[in-house]
Amino acid sequence: MDEPLIELQNITFTYPGAPCPVFQDFNFQLLPGKHIGLIGPNGCGKTTLLHLIMGLLRPQAGKIVIFGQEVSKEKDFVAVRQKVGLLFQNADDQLFCPTVMEDVAFGPLNQGKSPAEAIRIARETMERLGLHGFEERVTYKLSGGEKKLVSLATVLAMQPQLLLLDEPTSGLDEQTKHRLIHILQNLDIAYMIVSHERDFLNHTVKECCHVHATCCTSA
């Protein structure tokens, strides 16, 4: 059996001041090559799960193993973020540079690529996503759908081994949703999608996991 890309063992997590934990002795695995959807009621831990994997939140108990290595400290998660791409639910949380090219090239530059190589990767990634000609567009002036695609470009430009997507279709029109479906269907890496849209998941994942949290108070 293949070693899991991600393994959460007996995770307990409670938000400060919350009356009960979001997760209590929670276990989860993601195997190589899998395309999985995460479903469940609002506020029952789907986004929290992604943030725990990325080290944006830390469990009070349990163990997180990613690519065969236990991760617990910030330096561990810095290495994880070089290999795992997270698409935030709100694109404005992901985009912070003045222009689209600067945003998309930021990740490769942060990985140690030369400026010329980072620009090449950024251009190729944008071309794949139908964003040719967006290089000098001002990021904050983009439409919601355009911001979502640019956010995805920033993640894919880092050439991740695993992709986590949080409500990737929120704010997208039907044409952009179909483009996103096509993009995901042609990815050759494992990914996990949080979504309420069953039709979108039917076209992009092979199986869905229902997240059961002990206390539905936060995402």
N, C-alpha and C. Protein backbone atom coordinates (compact mmCIF):
# COMPACT_ATOMS: atom_id res chain seq x y z
N MET A 1 0.84 -1.20 0.00
CA MET A 1 0.00 0.00 0.00
C MET A 1 0.87 1.26 0.00
N ASP A 2 0.51 2.26 -0.80
CA ASP A 2 1.28 3.50 -0.87
C ASP A 2 1.25 4.22 0.47
N GLU A 3 2.37 4.89 0.78
CA GLU A 3 2.43 5.69 1.99
C GLU A 3 1.57 6.94 1.80
N PRO A 4 0.76 7.31 2.79
CA PRO A 4 -0.10 8.49 2.65
C PRO A 4 0.71 9.76 2.41
N LEU A 5 0.18 10.65 1.60
CA LEU A 5 0.77 11.97 1.46
C LEU A 5 0.51 12.78 2.73
N ILE A 6 -0.69 12.61 3.26
CA ILE A 6 -1.10 13.30 4.49
C ILE A 6 -1.72 12.29 5.43
N GLU A 7 -1.35 12.37 6.68
CA GLU A 7 -1.98 11.52 7.70
C GLU A 7 -2.17 12.32 8.97
N LEU A 8 -3.41 12.42 9.42
CA LEU A 8 -3.73 13.05 10.69
C LEU A 8 -4.13 11.95 11.67
N GLN A 9 -3.46 11.91 12.82
CA GLN A 9 -3.68 10.84 13.78
C GLN A 9 -4.19 11.41 15.10
N ASN A 10 -5.42 11.04 15.44
CA ASN A 10 -6.01 11.40 16.74
C ASN A 10 -5.92 12.89 17.04
N ILE A 11 -6.30 13.68 16.04
CA ILE A 11 -6.19 15.14 16.17
C ILE A 11 -7.33 15.69 17.02
N THR A 12 -6.96 16.55 17.95
CA THR A 12 -7.94 17.34 18.71
C THR A 12 -7.62 18.81 18.49
N PHE A 13 -8.64 19.56 18.10
CA PHE A 13 -8.45 21.00 17.90
C PHE A 13 -9.67 21.75 18.40
N THR A 14 -9.42 22.78 19.20
CA THR A 14 -10.47 23.64 19.73
C THR A 14 -10.08 25.09 19.51
N TYR A 15 -11.00 25.89 18.97
CA TYR A 15 -10.73 27.32 18.85
C TYR A 15 -10.77 27.98 20.23
N PRO A 16 -9.93 28.98 20.47
CA PRO A 16 -9.94 29.67 21.76
C PRO A 16 -11.33 30.19 22.11
N GLY A 17 -11.77 29.87 23.30
CA GLY A 17 -13.06 30.33 23.78
C GLY A 17 -14.24 29.52 23.32
N ALA A 18 -14.02 28.51 22.45
CA ALA A 18 -15.13 27.69 21.95
C ALA A 18 -15.59 26.72 23.03
N PRO A 19 -16.89 26.40 23.06
CA PRO A 19 -17.41 25.53 24.11
C PRO A 19 -17.00 24.06 23.96
N CYS A 20 -16.61 23.66 22.75
CA CYS A 20 -16.20 22.27 22.53
C CYS A 20 -15.28 22.21 21.32
N PRO A 21 -14.53 21.12 21.18
CA PRO A 21 -13.57 21.03 20.08
C PRO A 21 -14.25 20.88 18.72
N VAL A 22 -13.58 21.38 17.68
CA VAL A 22 -14.01 21.12 16.31
C VAL A 22 -13.71 19.66 15.96
N PHE A 23 -12.52 19.21 16.34
CA PHE A 23 -12.12 17.82 16.12
C PHE A 23 -11.70 17.18 17.45
N GLN A 24 -12.11 15.96 17.64
CA GLN A 24 -11.74 15.20 18.83
C GLN A 24 -11.32 13.81 18.36
N ASP A 25 -10.03 13.47 18.56
CA ASP A 25 -9.50 12.16 18.12
C ASP A 25 -9.82 11.90 16.65
N PHE A 26 -9.58 12.91 15.82
CA PHE A 26 -9.91 12.87 14.39
C PHE A 26 -8.77 12.21 13.61
N ASN A 27 -9.13 11.31 12.69
CA ASN A 27 -8.14 10.62 11.87
C ASN A 27 -8.48 10.81 10.40
N PHE A 28 -7.42 10.96 9.58
CA PHE A 28 -7.64 11.20 8.15
C PHE A 28 -6.38 10.81 7.37
N GLN A 29 -6.59 10.30 6.15
CA GLN A 29 -5.48 9.98 5.26
C GLN A 29 -5.79 10.44 3.84
N LEU A 30 -4.77 10.91 3.13
CA LEU A 30 -4.86 11.16 1.70
C LEU A 30 -3.72 10.42 1.02
N LEU A 31 -4.06 9.52 0.11
CA LEU A 31 -3.07 8.69 -0.57
C LEU A 31 -2.63 9.33 -1.89
N PRO A 32 -1.46 8.96 -2.39
CA PRO A 32 -0.96 9.53 -3.65
C PRO A 32 -1.94 9.31 -4.80
N GLY A 33 -2.06 10.33 -5.64
CA GLY A 33 -2.88 10.24 -6.84
C GLY A 33 -4.37 10.41 -6.62
N LYS A 34 -4.79 10.55 -5.38
CA LYS A 34 -6.21 10.64 -5.08
C LYS A 34 -6.75 12.05 -5.35
N HIS A 35 -7.98 12.10 -5.81
CA HIS A 35 -8.72 13.35 -5.98
C HIS A 35 -9.97 13.24 -5.13
N ILE A 36 -9.97 13.97 -4.01
CA ILE A 36 -11.00 13.80 -2.98
C ILE A 36 -11.75 15.10 -2.74
N GLY A 37 -13.06 14.98 -2.53
CA GLY A 37 -13.87 16.11 -2.12
C GLY A 37 -14.17 16.03 -0.64
N LEU A 38 -14.18 17.17 0.02
CA LEU A 38 -14.57 17.26 1.43
C LEU A 38 -15.91 17.96 1.50
N ILE A 39 -16.89 17.29 2.07
CA ILE A 39 -18.22 17.85 2.18
C ILE A 39 -18.67 17.81 3.64
N GLY A 40 -19.71 18.57 3.95
CA GLY A 40 -20.23 18.62 5.30
C GLY A 40 -20.89 19.96 5.54
N PRO A 41 -21.66 20.07 6.63
CA PRO A 41 -22.38 21.32 6.92
C PRO A 41 -21.42 22.49 7.12
N ASN A 42 -21.94 23.69 6.93
CA ASN A 42 -21.15 24.88 7.23
C ASN A 42 -20.68 24.86 8.67
N GLY A 43 -19.42 25.25 8.88
CA GLY A 43 -18.92 25.39 10.24
C GLY A 43 -18.49 24.12 10.91
N CYS A 44 -18.36 23.02 10.16
CA CYS A 44 -17.99 21.76 10.80
C CYS A 44 -16.57 21.30 10.50
N GLY A 45 -15.68 22.25 10.16
CA GLY A 45 -14.27 21.90 10.19
C GLY A 45 -13.57 21.67 8.87
N LYS A 46 -14.21 21.87 7.74
CA LYS A 46 -13.56 21.57 6.46
C LYS A 46 -12.37 22.51 6.22
N THR A 47 -12.60 23.80 6.36
CA THR A 47 -11.51 24.77 6.19
C THR A 47 -10.49 24.61 7.30
N THR A 48 -10.95 24.35 8.49
CA THR A 48 -10.05 24.11 9.61
C THR A 48 -9.09 22.97 9.31
N LEU A 49 -9.59 21.90 8.70
CA LEU A 49 -8.76 20.76 8.34
C LEU A 49 -7.64 21.19 7.39
N LEU A 50 -7.97 21.97 6.38
CA LEU A 50 -6.94 22.44 5.44
C LEU A 50 -5.90 23.31 6.15
N HIS A 51 -6.35 24.15 7.05
CA HIS A 51 -5.43 25.04 7.76
C HIS A 51 -4.55 24.27 8.74
N LEU A 52 -5.04 23.19 9.29
CA LEU A 52 -4.21 22.33 10.14
C LEU A 52 -3.11 21.67 9.31
N ILE A 53 -3.46 21.21 8.11
CA ILE A 53 -2.48 20.57 7.24
C ILE A 53 -1.37 21.54 6.86
N MET A 54 -1.72 22.80 6.65
CA MET A 54 -0.74 23.81 6.23
C MET A 54 -0.01 24.46 7.40
N GLY A 55 -0.40 24.13 8.61
CA GLY A 55 0.25 24.72 9.77
C GLY A 55 -0.23 26.11 10.11
N LEU A 56 -1.34 26.55 9.51
CA LEU A 56 -1.90 27.85 9.84
C LEU A 56 -2.64 27.79 11.17
N LEU A 57 -3.06 26.60 11.55
CA LEU A 57 -3.59 26.32 12.88
C LEU A 57 -2.83 25.11 13.43
N ARG A 58 -2.76 25.00 14.74
CA ARG A 58 -2.04 23.89 15.35
C ARG A 58 -2.97 23.12 16.29
N PRO A 59 -2.96 21.79 16.22
CA PRO A 59 -3.83 21.00 17.10
C PRO A 59 -3.32 21.02 18.54
N GLN A 60 -4.25 20.82 19.46
CA GLN A 60 -3.86 20.69 20.86
C GLN A 60 -3.34 19.28 21.18
N ALA A 61 -3.75 18.32 20.37
CA ALA A 61 -3.29 16.94 20.58
C ALA A 61 -3.31 16.22 19.23
N GLY A 62 -2.54 15.14 19.16
CA GLY A 62 -2.49 14.34 17.95
C GLY A 62 -1.24 14.60 17.14
N LYS A 63 -1.15 13.94 16.00
CA LYS A 63 0.05 14.00 15.17
C LYS A 63 -0.33 14.22 13.71
N ILE A 64 0.45 15.07 13.04
CA ILE A 64 0.27 15.32 11.61
C ILE A 64 1.52 14.84 10.89
N VAL A 65 1.35 13.97 9.91
CA VAL A 65 2.46 13.44 9.12
C VAL A 65 2.21 13.79 7.66
N ILE A 66 3.18 14.47 7.03
CA ILE A 66 3.05 14.89 5.64
C ILE A 66 4.29 14.44 4.88
N PHE A 67 4.07 13.73 3.76
CA PHE A 67 5.15 13.14 2.98
C PHE A 67 6.07 12.28 3.85
N GLY A 68 5.46 11.56 4.79
CA GLY A 68 6.21 10.62 5.61
C GLY A 68 6.94 11.22 6.79
N GLN A 69 6.84 12.55 6.98
CA GLN A 69 7.54 13.22 8.07
C GLN A 69 6.54 13.87 9.02
N GLU A 70 6.73 13.66 10.32
CA GLU A 70 5.88 14.34 11.28
C GLU A 70 6.20 15.83 11.28
N VAL A 71 5.17 16.65 11.29
CA VAL A 71 5.35 18.10 11.29
C VAL A 71 4.64 18.68 12.51
N SER A 72 5.34 19.58 13.19
CA SER A 72 4.75 20.18 14.38
C SER A 72 5.21 21.61 14.59
N LYS A 73 6.44 21.93 14.17
CA LYS A 73 7.00 23.27 14.37
C LYS A 73 6.86 24.09 13.09
N GLU A 74 7.00 25.41 13.25
CA GLU A 74 6.86 26.30 12.10
C GLU A 74 7.84 25.95 10.99
N LYS A 75 9.08 25.61 11.35
CA LYS A 75 10.07 25.28 10.31
C LYS A 75 9.65 24.04 9.52
N ASP A 76 8.93 23.12 10.18
CA ASP A 76 8.43 21.93 9.48
C ASP A 76 7.40 22.34 8.43
N PHE A 77 6.52 23.26 8.80
CA PHE A 77 5.45 23.67 7.89
C PHE A 77 5.96 24.58 6.78
N VAL A 78 7.05 25.30 7.02
CA VAL A 78 7.66 26.09 5.95
C VAL A 78 8.04 25.16 4.80
N ALA A 79 8.61 24.00 5.13
CA ALA A 79 8.97 23.02 4.11
C ALA A 79 7.72 22.45 3.44
N VAL A 80 6.66 22.22 4.22
CA VAL A 80 5.41 21.69 3.67
C VAL A 80 4.83 22.67 2.64
N ARG A 81 4.88 23.96 2.95
CA ARG A 81 4.28 24.97 2.07
C ARG A 81 5.02 25.12 0.74
N GLN A 82 6.24 24.59 0.69
CA GLN A 82 6.96 24.56 -0.58
C GLN A 82 6.45 23.45 -1.50
N LYS A 83 5.74 22.48 -0.94
CA LYS A 83 5.31 21.31 -1.70
C LYS A 83 3.79 21.17 -1.81
N VAL A 84 3.08 21.84 -0.91
CA VAL A 84 1.62 21.75 -0.87
C VAL A 84 1.04 23.13 -1.16
N GLY A 85 0.17 23.20 -2.17
CA GLY A 85 -0.44 24.48 -2.52
C GLY A 85 -1.84 24.58 -1.94
N LEU A 86 -2.14 25.69 -1.31
CA LEU A 86 -3.47 25.94 -0.74
C LEU A 86 -4.12 27.10 -1.47
N LEU A 87 -5.28 26.84 -2.07
CA LEU A 87 -6.10 27.91 -2.66
C LEU A 87 -7.10 28.35 -1.62
N PHE A 88 -6.97 29.59 -1.13
CA PHE A 88 -7.86 30.10 -0.11
C PHE A 88 -9.25 30.33 -0.67
N GLN A 89 -10.24 30.28 0.20
CA GLN A 89 -11.62 30.52 -0.21
C GLN A 89 -11.78 31.95 -0.74
N ASN A 90 -11.14 32.89 -0.10
CA ASN A 90 -11.21 34.29 -0.50
C ASN A 90 -9.92 34.66 -1.23
N ALA A 91 -10.03 34.95 -2.52
CA ALA A 91 -8.84 35.25 -3.31
C ALA A 91 -8.08 36.45 -2.78
N ASP A 92 -8.77 37.39 -2.14
CA ASP A 92 -8.09 38.57 -1.61
C ASP A 92 -7.11 38.22 -0.49
N ASP A 93 -7.28 37.05 0.12
CA ASP A 93 -6.33 36.60 1.14
C ASP A 93 -5.04 36.07 0.52
N GLN A 94 -5.05 35.85 -0.79
CA GLN A 94 -3.93 35.20 -1.47
C GLN A 94 -3.12 36.19 -2.32
N LEU A 95 -3.75 37.26 -2.75
CA LEU A 95 -3.12 38.18 -3.69
C LEU A 95 -2.71 39.46 -2.97
N PHE A 96 -1.44 39.83 -3.11
CA PHE A 96 -0.97 41.00 -2.36
C PHE A 96 0.02 41.86 -3.15
N CYS A 97 0.38 41.44 -4.36
CA CYS A 97 1.31 42.23 -5.17
C CYS A 97 0.53 43.19 -6.08
N PRO A 98 1.19 44.23 -6.58
CA PRO A 98 0.48 45.21 -7.41
C PRO A 98 -0.04 44.64 -8.72
N THR A 99 0.73 43.77 -9.38
CA THR A 99 0.31 43.24 -10.67
C THR A 99 0.19 41.72 -10.64
N VAL A 100 -0.51 41.20 -11.64
CA VAL A 100 -0.71 39.76 -11.74
C VAL A 100 0.62 39.03 -11.89
N MET A 101 1.49 39.52 -12.77
CA MET A 101 2.78 38.86 -12.97
C MET A 101 3.57 38.79 -11.67
N GLU A 102 3.60 39.87 -10.91
CA GLU A 102 4.33 39.87 -9.65
C GLU A 102 3.76 38.84 -8.68
N ASP A 103 2.43 38.73 -8.63
CA ASP A 103 1.80 37.75 -7.75
C ASP A 103 2.16 36.32 -8.15
N VAL A 104 2.07 36.01 -9.44
CA VAL A 104 2.29 34.64 -9.91
C VAL A 104 3.76 34.27 -9.82
N ALA A 105 4.64 35.22 -10.04
CA ALA A 105 6.08 34.94 -9.99
C ALA A 105 6.62 34.91 -8.56
N PHE A 106 5.85 35.40 -7.60
CA PHE A 106 6.35 35.49 -6.23
C PHE A 106 6.73 34.12 -5.67
N GLY A 107 5.86 33.12 -5.88
CA GLY A 107 6.14 31.79 -5.34
C GLY A 107 7.42 31.19 -5.86
N PRO A 108 7.61 31.12 -7.19
CA PRO A 108 8.87 30.60 -7.71
C PRO A 108 10.10 31.38 -7.22
N LEU A 109 9.98 32.70 -7.12
CA LEU A 109 11.10 33.48 -6.58
C LEU A 109 11.40 33.07 -5.15
N ASN A 110 10.34 32.85 -4.37
CA ASN A 110 10.50 32.44 -2.97
C ASN A 110 11.11 31.05 -2.86
N GLN A 111 10.97 30.25 -3.90
CA GLN A 111 11.56 28.92 -3.93
C GLN A 111 13.02 28.94 -4.39
N GLY A 112 13.53 30.12 -4.71
CA GLY A 112 14.94 30.23 -5.10
C GLY A 112 15.18 30.29 -6.59
N LYS A 113 14.11 30.37 -7.39
CA LYS A 113 14.29 30.48 -8.83
C LYS A 113 14.83 31.87 -9.18
N SER A 114 15.59 31.96 -10.27
CA SER A 114 16.07 33.25 -10.74
C SER A 114 14.89 34.07 -11.24
N PRO A 115 15.03 35.40 -11.30
CA PRO A 115 13.93 36.21 -11.81
C PRO A 115 13.48 35.79 -13.21
N ALA A 116 14.43 35.47 -14.09
CA ALA A 116 14.07 35.06 -15.45
C ALA A 116 13.30 33.75 -15.44
N GLU A 117 13.73 32.79 -14.61
CA GLU A 117 13.06 31.50 -14.53
C GLU A 117 11.68 31.66 -13.90
N ALA A 118 11.57 32.50 -12.87
CA ALA A 118 10.27 32.73 -12.22
C ALA A 118 9.28 33.34 -13.20
N ILE A 119 9.74 34.27 -14.01
CA ILE A 119 8.85 34.90 -15.00
C ILE A 119 8.42 33.88 -16.05
N ARG A 120 9.36 33.03 -16.48
CA ARG A 120 9.02 32.00 -17.46
C ARG A 120 7.95 31.06 -16.91
N ILE A 121 8.14 30.60 -15.68
CA ILE A 121 7.17 29.70 -15.06
C ILE A 121 5.82 30.40 -14.92
N ALA A 122 5.86 31.66 -14.49
CA ALA A 122 4.61 32.42 -14.32
C ALA A 122 3.87 32.56 -15.65
N ARG A 123 4.58 32.88 -16.70
CA ARG A 123 3.94 33.04 -18.02
C ARG A 123 3.33 31.72 -18.48
N GLU A 124 4.07 30.62 -18.32
CA GLU A 124 3.55 29.32 -18.75
C GLU A 124 2.32 28.93 -17.95
N THR A 125 2.35 29.20 -16.65
CA THR A 125 1.21 28.87 -15.79
C THR A 125 -0.02 29.69 -16.18
N MET A 126 0.18 30.96 -16.40
CA MET A 126 -0.92 31.84 -16.78
C MET A 126 -1.50 31.42 -18.14
N GLU A 127 -0.63 31.02 -19.05
CA GLU A 127 -1.10 30.56 -20.36
C GLU A 127 -2.03 29.36 -20.20
N ARG A 128 -1.66 28.42 -19.33
CA ARG A 128 -2.47 27.22 -19.08
C ARG A 128 -3.85 27.58 -18.55
N LEU A 129 -3.93 28.65 -17.79
CA LEU A 129 -5.19 29.03 -17.16
C LEU A 129 -5.98 30.06 -17.97
N GLY A 130 -5.51 30.32 -19.19
CA GLY A 130 -6.23 31.28 -20.02
C GLY A 130 -6.06 32.72 -19.57
N LEU A 131 -4.91 33.02 -18.94
CA LEU A 131 -4.66 34.35 -18.41
C LEU A 131 -3.62 35.11 -19.23
N HIS A 132 -3.40 34.70 -20.46
CA HIS A 132 -2.46 35.43 -21.31
C HIS A 132 -2.93 36.87 -21.48
N GLY A 133 -2.00 37.80 -21.33
CA GLY A 133 -2.34 39.21 -21.43
C GLY A 133 -2.67 39.86 -20.10
N PHE A 134 -2.67 39.06 -19.03
CA PHE A 134 -2.99 39.59 -17.70
C PHE A 134 -1.75 40.07 -16.94
N GLU A 135 -0.58 39.92 -17.54
CA GLU A 135 0.67 40.14 -16.81
C GLU A 135 0.72 41.48 -16.06
N GLU A 136 0.31 42.55 -16.72
CA GLU A 136 0.42 43.87 -16.10
C GLU A 136 -0.90 44.38 -15.53
N ARG A 137 -1.91 43.51 -15.51
CA ARG A 137 -3.19 43.92 -14.92
C ARG A 137 -3.01 44.18 -13.42
N VAL A 138 -3.73 45.16 -12.93
CA VAL A 138 -3.67 45.50 -11.50
C VAL A 138 -4.56 44.51 -10.75
N THR A 139 -3.98 43.79 -9.81
CA THR A 139 -4.66 42.66 -9.17
C THR A 139 -5.98 43.07 -8.52
N TYR A 140 -5.99 44.15 -7.77
CA TYR A 140 -7.20 44.48 -7.01
C TYR A 140 -8.34 44.95 -7.90
N LYS A 141 -8.05 45.23 -9.16
CA LYS A 141 -9.10 45.67 -10.08
C LYS A 141 -9.73 44.51 -10.87
N LEU A 142 -9.26 43.30 -10.66
CA LEU A 142 -9.79 42.14 -11.37
C LEU A 142 -11.19 41.80 -10.85
N SER A 143 -11.96 41.09 -11.67
CA SER A 143 -13.25 40.57 -11.21
C SER A 143 -13.02 39.42 -10.25
N GLY A 144 -14.08 38.99 -9.57
CA GLY A 144 -13.95 37.88 -8.63
C GLY A 144 -13.46 36.61 -9.28
N GLY A 145 -13.99 36.28 -10.47
CA GLY A 145 -13.56 35.08 -11.17
C GLY A 145 -12.12 35.18 -11.62
N GLU A 146 -11.72 36.37 -12.10
CA GLU A 146 -10.34 36.56 -12.53
C GLU A 146 -9.38 36.43 -11.35
N LYS A 147 -9.77 36.99 -10.20
CA LYS A 147 -8.93 36.87 -9.01
C LYS A 147 -8.76 35.41 -8.61
N LYS A 148 -9.83 34.62 -8.73
CA LYS A 148 -9.77 33.21 -8.35
C LYS A 148 -8.78 32.47 -9.25
N LEU A 149 -8.84 32.73 -10.56
CA LEU A 149 -7.92 32.07 -11.48
C LEU A 149 -6.47 32.52 -11.25
N VAL A 150 -6.27 33.79 -10.97
CA VAL A 150 -4.93 34.27 -10.68
C VAL A 150 -4.41 33.64 -9.39
N SER A 151 -5.29 33.50 -8.39
CA SER A 151 -4.90 32.83 -7.14
C SER A 151 -4.46 31.40 -7.42
N LEU A 152 -5.20 30.70 -8.27
CA LEU A 152 -4.82 29.34 -8.63
C LEU A 152 -3.48 29.33 -9.36
N ALA A 153 -3.26 30.34 -10.21
CA ALA A 153 -1.98 30.43 -10.92
C ALA A 153 -0.83 30.61 -9.94
N THR A 154 -1.03 31.41 -8.88
CA THR A 154 0.04 31.61 -7.90
C THR A 154 0.40 30.30 -7.21
N VAL A 155 -0.60 29.45 -7.02
CA VAL A 155 -0.36 28.15 -6.37
C VAL A 155 0.31 27.18 -7.33
N LEU A 156 -0.21 27.08 -8.55
CA LEU A 156 0.33 26.12 -9.52
C LEU A 156 1.73 26.50 -9.98
N ALA A 157 2.05 27.79 -9.97
CA ALA A 157 3.38 28.23 -10.37
C ALA A 157 4.46 27.68 -9.46
N MET A 158 4.10 27.31 -8.24
CA MET A 158 5.06 26.72 -7.31
C MET A 158 5.25 25.23 -7.54
N GLN A 159 4.55 24.70 -8.56
CA GLN A 159 4.68 23.30 -8.96
C GLN A 159 4.53 22.35 -7.75
N PRO A 160 3.37 22.46 -7.07
CA PRO A 160 3.17 21.66 -5.85
C PRO A 160 3.00 20.18 -6.15
N GLN A 161 3.30 19.38 -5.15
CA GLN A 161 3.08 17.93 -5.24
C GLN A 161 1.67 17.56 -4.81
N LEU A 162 0.98 18.51 -4.19
CA LEU A 162 -0.36 18.28 -3.66
C LEU A 162 -1.08 19.61 -3.63
N LEU A 163 -2.38 19.59 -3.95
CA LEU A 163 -3.15 20.82 -4.03
C LEU A 163 -4.38 20.72 -3.12
N LEU A 164 -4.60 21.76 -2.33
CA LEU A 164 -5.77 21.86 -1.46
C LEU A 164 -6.57 23.07 -1.91
N LEU A 165 -7.86 22.88 -2.19
CA LEU A 165 -8.70 23.96 -2.70
C LEU A 165 -9.90 24.16 -1.80
N ASP A 166 -10.08 25.39 -1.33
CA ASP A 166 -11.17 25.72 -0.41
C ASP A 166 -12.24 26.51 -1.16
N GLU A 167 -13.37 25.86 -1.44
CA GLU A 167 -14.49 26.47 -2.15
C GLU A 167 -14.01 27.20 -3.41
N PRO A 168 -13.36 26.48 -4.33
CA PRO A 168 -12.75 27.15 -5.49
C PRO A 168 -13.74 27.76 -6.46
N THR A 169 -15.01 27.36 -6.41
CA THR A 169 -15.99 27.90 -7.36
C THR A 169 -16.77 29.08 -6.83
N SER A 170 -16.53 29.49 -5.59
CA SER A 170 -17.30 30.60 -5.03
C SER A 170 -17.05 31.87 -5.84
N GLY A 171 -18.12 32.49 -6.30
CA GLY A 171 -18.01 33.73 -7.06
C GLY A 171 -17.70 33.56 -8.54
N LEU A 172 -17.64 32.32 -9.02
CA LEU A 172 -17.31 32.08 -10.42
C LEU A 172 -18.57 31.98 -11.28
N ASP A 173 -18.49 32.49 -12.51
CA ASP A 173 -19.58 32.27 -13.45
C ASP A 173 -19.44 30.88 -14.05
N GLU A 174 -20.44 30.45 -14.80
CA GLU A 174 -20.45 29.07 -15.31
C GLU A 174 -19.29 28.81 -16.27
N GLN A 175 -18.96 29.79 -17.10
CA GLN A 175 -17.86 29.60 -18.04
C GLN A 175 -16.54 29.38 -17.31
N THR A 176 -16.30 30.17 -16.26
CA THR A 176 -15.06 30.03 -15.51
C THR A 176 -15.05 28.73 -14.72
N LYS A 177 -16.21 28.29 -14.23
CA LYS A 177 -16.29 27.00 -13.55
C LYS A 177 -15.89 25.87 -14.49
N HIS A 178 -16.39 25.92 -15.72
CA HIS A 178 -16.05 24.88 -16.69
C HIS A 178 -14.56 24.90 -17.01
N ARG A 179 -13.97 26.09 -17.07
CA ARG A 179 -12.53 26.18 -17.30
C ARG A 179 -11.77 25.56 -16.13
N LEU A 180 -12.23 25.83 -14.91
CA LEU A 180 -11.57 25.27 -13.73
C LEU A 180 -11.70 23.75 -13.71
N ILE A 181 -12.86 23.23 -14.07
CA ILE A 181 -13.05 21.78 -14.15
C ILE A 181 -12.04 21.17 -15.12
N HIS A 182 -11.90 21.78 -16.28
CA HIS A 182 -10.95 21.28 -17.29
C HIS A 182 -9.52 21.30 -16.76
N ILE A 183 -9.16 22.36 -16.05
CA ILE A 183 -7.81 22.47 -15.48
C ILE A 183 -7.55 21.34 -14.49
N LEU A 184 -8.52 21.13 -13.59
CA LEU A 184 -8.34 20.11 -12.56
C LEU A 184 -8.32 18.71 -13.16
N GLN A 185 -9.14 18.45 -14.15
CA GLN A 185 -9.17 17.14 -14.78
C GLN A 185 -7.85 16.79 -15.45
N ASN A 186 -7.05 17.80 -15.77
CA ASN A 186 -5.79 17.57 -16.45
C ASN A 186 -4.58 17.66 -15.53
N LEU A 187 -4.80 17.83 -14.24
CA LEU A 187 -3.70 17.84 -13.28
C LEU A 187 -3.27 16.41 -12.97
N ASP A 188 -1.98 16.19 -12.88
CA ASP A 188 -1.48 14.85 -12.58
C ASP A 188 -0.94 14.74 -11.16
N ILE A 189 -1.46 15.59 -10.26
CA ILE A 189 -1.09 15.52 -8.85
C ILE A 189 -2.34 15.27 -8.02
N ALA A 190 -2.13 14.82 -6.79
CA ALA A 190 -3.25 14.61 -5.88
C ALA A 190 -3.82 15.97 -5.47
N TYR A 191 -5.14 16.01 -5.26
CA TYR A 191 -5.73 17.23 -4.74
C TYR A 191 -6.97 16.91 -3.91
N MET A 192 -7.31 17.88 -3.07
CA MET A 192 -8.45 17.75 -2.17
C MET A 192 -9.25 19.04 -2.26
N ILE A 193 -10.57 18.91 -2.45
CA ILE A 193 -11.41 20.08 -2.68
C ILE A 193 -12.50 20.17 -1.62
N VAL A 194 -12.59 21.31 -0.96
CA VAL A 194 -13.73 21.63 -0.11
C VAL A 194 -14.75 22.35 -0.99
N SER A 195 -15.96 21.81 -1.10
CA SER A 195 -16.96 22.45 -1.93
C SER A 195 -18.36 22.00 -1.51
N HIS A 196 -19.32 22.93 -1.69
CA HIS A 196 -20.72 22.60 -1.48
C HIS A 196 -21.41 22.24 -2.80
N GLU A 197 -20.68 22.39 -3.90
CA GLU A 197 -21.28 22.17 -5.21
C GLU A 197 -21.07 20.73 -5.66
N ARG A 198 -22.10 19.93 -5.52
CA ARG A 198 -21.99 18.50 -5.85
C ARG A 198 -21.70 18.28 -7.32
N ASP A 199 -22.28 19.10 -8.19
CA ASP A 199 -22.06 18.91 -9.62
C ASP A 199 -20.59 19.16 -9.96
N PHE A 200 -20.00 20.18 -9.36
CA PHE A 200 -18.58 20.46 -9.57
C PHE A 200 -17.72 19.30 -9.09
N LEU A 201 -18.04 18.78 -7.91
CA LEU A 201 -17.28 17.64 -7.38
C LEU A 201 -17.46 16.40 -8.25
N ASN A 202 -18.65 16.21 -8.80
CA ASN A 202 -18.88 15.05 -9.66
C ASN A 202 -17.95 15.04 -10.87
N HIS A 203 -17.52 16.23 -11.29
CA HIS A 203 -16.66 16.34 -12.47
C HIS A 203 -15.17 16.37 -12.12
N THR A 204 -14.83 16.52 -10.84
CA THR A 204 -13.42 16.76 -10.49
C THR A 204 -12.82 15.76 -9.50
N VAL A 205 -13.64 15.01 -8.77
CA VAL A 205 -13.08 14.07 -7.78
C VAL A 205 -13.68 12.68 -7.98
N LYS A 206 -12.96 11.69 -7.46
CA LYS A 206 -13.41 10.30 -7.56
C LYS A 206 -14.21 9.86 -6.35
N GLU A 207 -13.96 10.53 -5.21
CA GLU A 207 -14.67 10.16 -3.99
C GLU A 207 -14.80 11.37 -3.08
N CYS A 208 -15.77 11.33 -2.19
CA CYS A 208 -15.99 12.41 -1.23
C CYS A 208 -15.93 11.87 0.19
N CYS A 209 -15.36 12.69 1.07
CA CYS A 209 -15.32 12.37 2.49
C CYS A 209 -16.21 13.38 3.23
N HIS A 210 -17.09 12.87 4.06
CA HIS A 210 -17.95 13.74 4.85
C HIS A 210 -17.25 14.05 6.16
N VAL A 211 -17.01 15.33 6.39
CA VAL A 211 -16.31 15.77 7.61
C VAL A 211 -17.31 15.83 8.76
N HIS A 212 -17.05 15.05 9.79
CA HIS A 212 -17.90 15.04 10.98
C HIS A 212 -17.11 15.71 12.11
N ALA A 213 -17.50 16.89 12.47
CA ALA A 213 -16.85 17.59 13.57
C ALA A 213 -17.71 17.45 14.82
N THR A 214 -17.06 17.59 15.97
CA THR A 214 -17.80 17.41 17.23
C THR A 214 -18.57 18.66 17.62
N CYS A 215 -18.16 19.81 17.04
CA CYS A 215 -18.79 21.07 17.45
C CYS A 215 -18.79 22.01 16.26
N CYS A 216 -19.97 22.30 15.70
CA CYS A 216 -20.06 23.11 14.48
C CYS A 216 -20.15 24.58 14.83
N THR A 217 -19.00 25.18 15.15
CA THR A 217 -19.00 26.59 15.53
C THR A 217 -18.10 27.43 14.66
N SER A 218 -17.20 26.83 13.91
CA SER A 218 -16.29 27.59 13.05
C SER A 218 -15.98 26.76 11.83
N ALA A 219 -15.55 27.42 10.77
CA ALA A 219 -15.24 26.72 9.52
C ALA A 219 -14.01 25.87 9.66
